Amino acid sequence: MKLNTKIKSIDLISSKDKIHFDSEGKFPINYGNNFIDENELINFHSEIELFDGRLSFSIYVNFKYQRNCGRCLTISNNDDESSSFITLNLNEENDYDINYDDEYYDLEPFISEIIIEKMEINYVCEKKCKGLCSFCGINLNKLSCSHKEKNLKESPFSSLSQLDL
């Protein structure tokens, strides 16, 4: 079941109090070396209020994601949570294209942004990660290989190393 991120605007307009909105569902994301699996469930809670042309809401998101090390491609699983408080003036342009005339207010762009802010685009498992062997592809953190290093002089580009840049 896809994560329900839409709130009926009529419910919000007719309410004098904050509306509490909870949802659980699938919300796949791929960002850099990070991803939320299409079968993983995300939980979010929101309190939303519309007052004097301003849409104010807080969002709390609980999610699990996986990330690949940029050097050795080791996968790690992470449980994370994040929250944010946002106020939008609906009578002015905003980055999210939300206005009074819509039948629903969709919180999907806010949830995506909150999750992506917690992810590292260039994740490295540890500072001393050796990465993968460029010849055979084994993980050099776990095994070592006995390749002879290629002689730099054999390369057709070796003359470029002599340039004074």
Protein backbone atom coordinates (compact mmCIF):
# COMPACT_ATOMS: atom_id res chain seq x y z
CA MET A 1 0.00 0.00 0.00
CA LYS A 2 1.43 3.36 -1.06
CA LEU A 3 1.91 5.96 1.67
CA ASN A 4 -1.12 8.25 1.82
CA THR A 5 0.25 11.80 1.89
CA LYS A 6 -2.89 13.71 0.85
CA ILE A 7 -5.18 15.61 3.19
CA LYS A 8 -8.55 16.89 2.04
CA SER A 9 -8.48 20.66 1.97
CA ILE A 10 -12.18 20.86 2.93
CA ASP A 11 -11.43 19.04 6.19
CA LEU A 12 -8.70 21.51 6.97
CA ILE A 13 -10.74 24.58 6.02
CA SER A 14 -13.74 23.50 8.10
CA SER A 15 -11.69 22.58 11.18
CA LYS A 16 -11.06 25.14 13.92
CA ASP A 17 -8.34 23.01 15.51
CA LYS A 18 -5.23 21.28 14.27
CA ILE A 19 -5.81 18.12 12.30
CA HIS A 20 -3.76 15.09 13.32
CA PHE A 21 -2.83 12.86 10.43
CA ASP A 22 -1.08 9.48 10.71
CA SER A 23 -0.18 7.20 7.85
CA GLU A 24 1.91 4.13 7.10
CA GLY A 25 2.82 2.85 3.68
CA LYS A 26 5.42 2.30 0.98
CA PHE A 27 7.44 5.29 -0.15
CA PRO A 28 10.42 4.19 -2.29
CA ILE A 29 13.27 6.68 -2.68
CA ASN A 30 16.64 6.46 -4.46
CA TYR A 31 19.15 9.17 -3.60
CA GLY A 32 22.83 8.77 -4.38
CA ASN A 33 23.98 5.51 -2.80
CA ASN A 34 20.90 5.45 -0.53
CA PHE A 35 17.56 3.84 -1.13
CA ILE A 36 14.34 2.91 0.58
CA ASP A 37 13.18 -0.46 -0.69
CA GLU A 38 9.81 -0.52 -2.46
CA ASN A 39 8.54 -3.02 0.14
CA GLU A 40 9.69 -1.05 3.21
CA LEU A 41 7.02 0.74 5.25
CA ILE A 42 7.37 4.36 6.36
CA ASN A 43 5.40 5.92 9.21
CA PHE A 44 4.60 9.58 9.45
CA HIS A 45 2.60 11.78 11.78
CA SER A 46 1.55 15.32 11.04
CA GLU A 47 -0.32 18.10 12.77
CA ILE A 48 -1.76 20.60 10.32
CA GLU A 49 -3.48 23.92 10.82
CA LEU A 50 -4.85 26.47 8.38
CA PHE A 51 -5.19 29.95 9.83
CA ASP A 52 -5.41 33.31 8.10
CA GLY A 53 -4.05 32.07 4.76
CA ARG A 54 -1.11 30.27 6.33
CA LEU A 55 -0.72 26.52 6.26
CA SER A 56 1.35 25.41 9.26
CA PHE A 57 2.28 21.83 9.91
CA SER A 58 4.75 19.65 11.69
CA ILE A 59 5.81 16.33 10.23
CA TYR A 60 7.50 13.44 12.02
CA VAL A 61 8.80 10.61 9.81
CA ASN A 62 10.14 7.20 10.90
CA PHE A 63 11.85 5.19 8.14
CA LYS A 64 14.40 2.48 7.32
CA TYR A 65 16.82 2.77 4.44
CA GLN A 66 19.87 1.08 2.99
CA ARG A 67 23.06 2.70 1.82
CA ASN A 68 26.03 1.46 -0.19
CA CYS A 69 29.57 2.48 0.64
CA GLY A 70 30.93 4.54 -2.25
CA ARG A 71 34.27 2.70 -2.09
CA CYS A 72 33.61 -0.96 -1.27
CA LEU A 73 29.85 -1.20 -2.02
CA THR A 74 29.09 -2.73 1.41
CA ILE A 75 25.40 -2.33 2.24
CA SER A 76 24.32 -1.10 5.67
CA ASN A 77 20.76 -0.92 7.02
CA ASN A 78 19.68 2.16 8.93
CA ASP A 79 16.68 3.06 11.07
CA ASP A 80 16.15 6.79 11.20
CA GLU A 81 13.63 9.46 12.07
CA SER A 82 13.31 13.13 11.38
CA SER A 83 10.89 15.97 11.86
CA SER A 84 10.23 19.43 10.53
CA PHE A 85 7.95 22.38 11.10
CA ILE A 86 6.84 24.32 8.02
CA THR A 87 4.66 27.38 7.47
CA LEU A 88 3.50 28.40 3.99
CA ASN A 89 1.60 31.49 2.96
CA LEU A 90 -0.99 30.16 0.52
CA ASN A 91 -1.68 33.60 -0.95
CA GLU A 92 1.87 33.80 -2.31
CA GLU A 93 3.93 31.56 -4.56
CA ASN A 94 5.83 28.80 -2.82
CA ASP A 95 8.29 26.14 -3.88
CA TYR A 96 5.72 23.40 -3.41
CA ASP A 97 2.85 24.73 -5.57
CA ILE A 98 0.27 24.45 -2.81
CA ASN A 99 -2.78 26.70 -2.98
CA TYR A 100 -6.34 26.99 -1.66
CA ASP A 101 -7.98 25.81 -4.88
CA ASP A 102 -6.64 22.26 -4.72
CA GLU A 103 -8.93 19.51 -3.46
CA TYR A 104 -6.07 17.96 -1.48
CA TYR A 105 -2.93 19.21 0.21
CA ASP A 106 -0.20 16.73 -0.65
CA LEU A 107 2.64 16.37 1.87
CA GLU A 108 4.75 14.10 -0.37
CA PRO A 109 7.34 16.75 -1.33
CA PHE A 110 7.89 17.63 2.33
CA ILE A 111 8.26 13.99 3.37
CA SER A 112 10.73 13.35 0.53
CA GLU A 113 12.77 16.37 1.51
CA ILE A 114 12.84 15.40 5.21
CA ILE A 115 14.06 11.88 4.36
CA ILE A 116 16.65 12.96 1.79
CA GLU A 117 18.14 15.49 4.22
CA LYS A 118 19.06 12.57 6.52
CA MET A 119 20.87 10.63 3.79
CA GLU A 120 24.55 11.10 2.90
CA ILE A 121 25.07 11.30 -0.85
CA ASN A 122 28.72 10.14 -0.61
CA TYR A 123 28.52 7.61 2.19
CA VAL A 124 31.76 5.79 3.10
CA CYS A 125 31.51 2.92 5.60
CA GLU A 126 34.69 3.94 7.47
CA LYS A 127 37.49 6.46 6.98
CA LYS A 128 40.05 3.72 6.33
CA CYS A 129 37.91 1.88 3.75
CA LYS A 130 40.23 0.47 1.07
CA GLY A 131 37.53 0.00 -1.53
CA LEU A 132 37.57 -2.54 -4.35
CA CYS A 133 40.54 -3.82 -6.31
CA SER A 134 40.59 -2.10 -9.70
CA PHE A 135 41.78 -5.30 -11.41
CA CYS A 136 39.71 -8.13 -9.89
CA GLY A 137 37.00 -6.28 -7.93
CA ILE A 138 37.43 -7.95 -4.52
CA ASN A 139 36.76 -5.99 -1.36
CA LEU A 140 40.22 -4.97 -0.11
CA ASN A 141 38.90 -4.54 3.44
CA LYS A 142 38.27 -8.30 3.65
CA LEU A 143 40.87 -9.85 1.32
CA SER A 144 44.08 -8.84 -0.38
CA CYS A 145 45.11 -9.66 -3.90
CA SER A 146 48.51 -10.31 -5.45
CA HIS A 147 48.33 -8.41 -8.73
CA LYS A 148 51.38 -6.74 -10.09
CA GLU A 149 50.83 -3.02 -10.30
CA LYS A 150 50.60 -1.88 -13.89
CA ASN A 151 53.66 0.05 -14.94
CA LEU A 152 52.67 3.66 -15.50
CA LYS A 153 55.12 3.89 -18.45
CA GLU A 154 53.08 1.31 -20.39
CA SER A 155 50.08 3.58 -20.55
CA PRO A 156 49.52 5.65 -23.70
CA PHE A 157 48.68 8.53 -21.34
CA SER A 158 51.95 8.33 -19.39
CA SER A 159 53.36 11.37 -21.20
CA LEU A 160 50.61 13.48 -19.63
CA SER A 161 52.25 13.01 -16.20
CA GLN A 162 55.22 15.05 -17.43
CA LEU A 163 53.10 18.15 -18.09
CA ASP A 164 53.63 21.03 -15.66
CA LEU A 165 50.08 22.09 -14.78
